[in-house]
């Protein structure tokens, strides 16, 4: 059986900025600094598309994120709310 091919759609979850939405640099979800660090958060398979939601987080916030449960909860809630609105 031939493997089905999906169109993969990467969707950044970040703060608003003046940067182009399709660029590889976006605004950190926590502090707003520009970064190119993307972390895959959730993958949703549709009929012909695979949506991969990515959290954009700078290296400084990422260090804090790994240790701070309160920050993790805040970012996860924001990301899940974003995904629910997006669909």
Protein backbone atom coordinates (compact mmCIF):
# COMPACT_ATOMS: atom_id res chain seq x y z
CA UNK A 1 0.00 0.00 0.00
CA UNK A 2 1.37 3.36 -0.99
CA UNK A 3 1.98 5.84 1.79
CA UNK A 4 -0.40 8.81 1.62
CA UNK A 5 1.21 12.20 1.19
CA UNK A 6 0.05 15.02 3.40
CA UNK A 7 0.53 18.71 2.90
CA UNK A 8 2.39 19.82 6.02
CA UNK A 9 1.34 23.16 7.44
CA UNK A 10 3.56 24.70 10.14
CA UNK A 11 1.71 27.15 12.37
CA UNK A 12 3.72 29.34 14.76
CA UNK A 13 2.34 30.19 18.18
CA UNK A 14 3.98 33.47 19.15
CA UNK A 15 3.32 37.04 20.19
CA UNK A 16 2.25 39.56 17.58
CA UNK A 17 5.02 41.52 15.90
CA UNK A 18 5.82 43.49 12.77
CA UNK A 19 7.70 40.50 11.30
CA UNK A 20 6.29 38.60 8.31
CA UNK A 21 4.08 35.73 9.49
CA UNK A 22 5.85 33.22 7.25
CA UNK A 23 9.39 34.16 8.23
CA UNK A 24 11.82 31.97 10.15
CA UNK A 25 12.25 34.61 12.87
CA UNK A 26 9.24 35.28 15.09
CA UNK A 27 8.44 36.88 18.44
CA UNK A 28 8.95 34.81 21.63
CA UNK A 29 5.65 33.67 23.16
CA UNK A 30 6.79 34.81 26.61
CA UNK A 31 8.95 37.95 26.34
CA UNK A 32 8.50 39.10 22.73
CA UNK A 33 12.19 39.00 21.75
CA UNK A 34 12.85 37.91 18.18
CA UNK A 35 14.04 34.32 17.86
CA UNK A 36 14.31 31.46 15.42
CA UNK A 37 13.79 28.75 18.09
CA UNK A 38 10.72 26.68 17.25
CA UNK A 39 9.50 23.80 19.45
CA UNK A 40 6.89 21.40 18.06
CA UNK A 41 3.91 21.54 20.42
CA UNK A 42 1.05 19.63 18.81
CA UNK A 43 0.40 17.78 15.58
CA UNK A 44 -3.09 17.42 14.12
CA UNK A 45 -3.79 15.19 11.12
CA UNK A 46 -6.63 16.18 8.83
CA UNK A 47 -7.80 14.49 5.63
CA UNK A 48 -5.19 16.01 3.34
CA UNK A 49 -3.11 18.15 5.70
CA UNK A 50 -0.92 17.70 8.71
CA UNK A 51 -0.91 20.77 10.96
CA UNK A 52 2.12 21.16 13.18
CA UNK A 53 1.73 23.88 15.81
CA UNK A 54 5.05 25.25 17.02
CA UNK A 55 5.77 27.33 20.11
CA UNK A 56 8.26 30.11 19.46
CA UNK A 57 10.40 30.66 22.55
CA UNK A 58 13.78 32.39 22.91
CA UNK A 59 16.78 30.65 24.51
CA UNK A 60 16.53 32.68 27.75
CA UNK A 61 12.83 31.92 28.25
CA UNK A 62 13.43 28.30 27.27
CA UNK A 63 15.87 27.90 30.18
CA UNK A 64 13.29 29.34 32.58
CA UNK A 65 10.48 27.33 30.96
CA UNK A 66 12.22 24.02 31.73
CA UNK A 67 12.30 24.81 35.49
CA UNK A 68 9.20 26.96 36.08
CA UNK A 69 5.93 25.00 36.28
CA UNK A 70 3.88 28.21 36.46
CA UNK A 71 5.39 29.46 33.19
CA UNK A 72 4.85 26.05 31.56
CA UNK A 73 1.17 26.13 32.53
CA UNK A 74 0.79 29.71 31.22
CA UNK A 75 2.37 28.87 27.85
CA UNK A 76 0.51 25.56 27.45
CA UNK A 77 -2.82 27.28 28.17
CA UNK A 78 -2.04 30.08 25.70
CA UNK A 79 -0.99 27.56 23.05
CA UNK A 80 -4.06 25.37 23.53
CA UNK A 81 -6.36 28.42 23.40
CA UNK A 82 -4.64 29.49 20.17
CA UNK A 83 -5.13 26.03 18.64
CA UNK A 84 -8.81 25.95 19.65
CA UNK A 85 -9.37 29.36 18.01
CA UNK A 86 -7.40 28.39 14.90
CA UNK A 87 -9.44 25.31 14.09
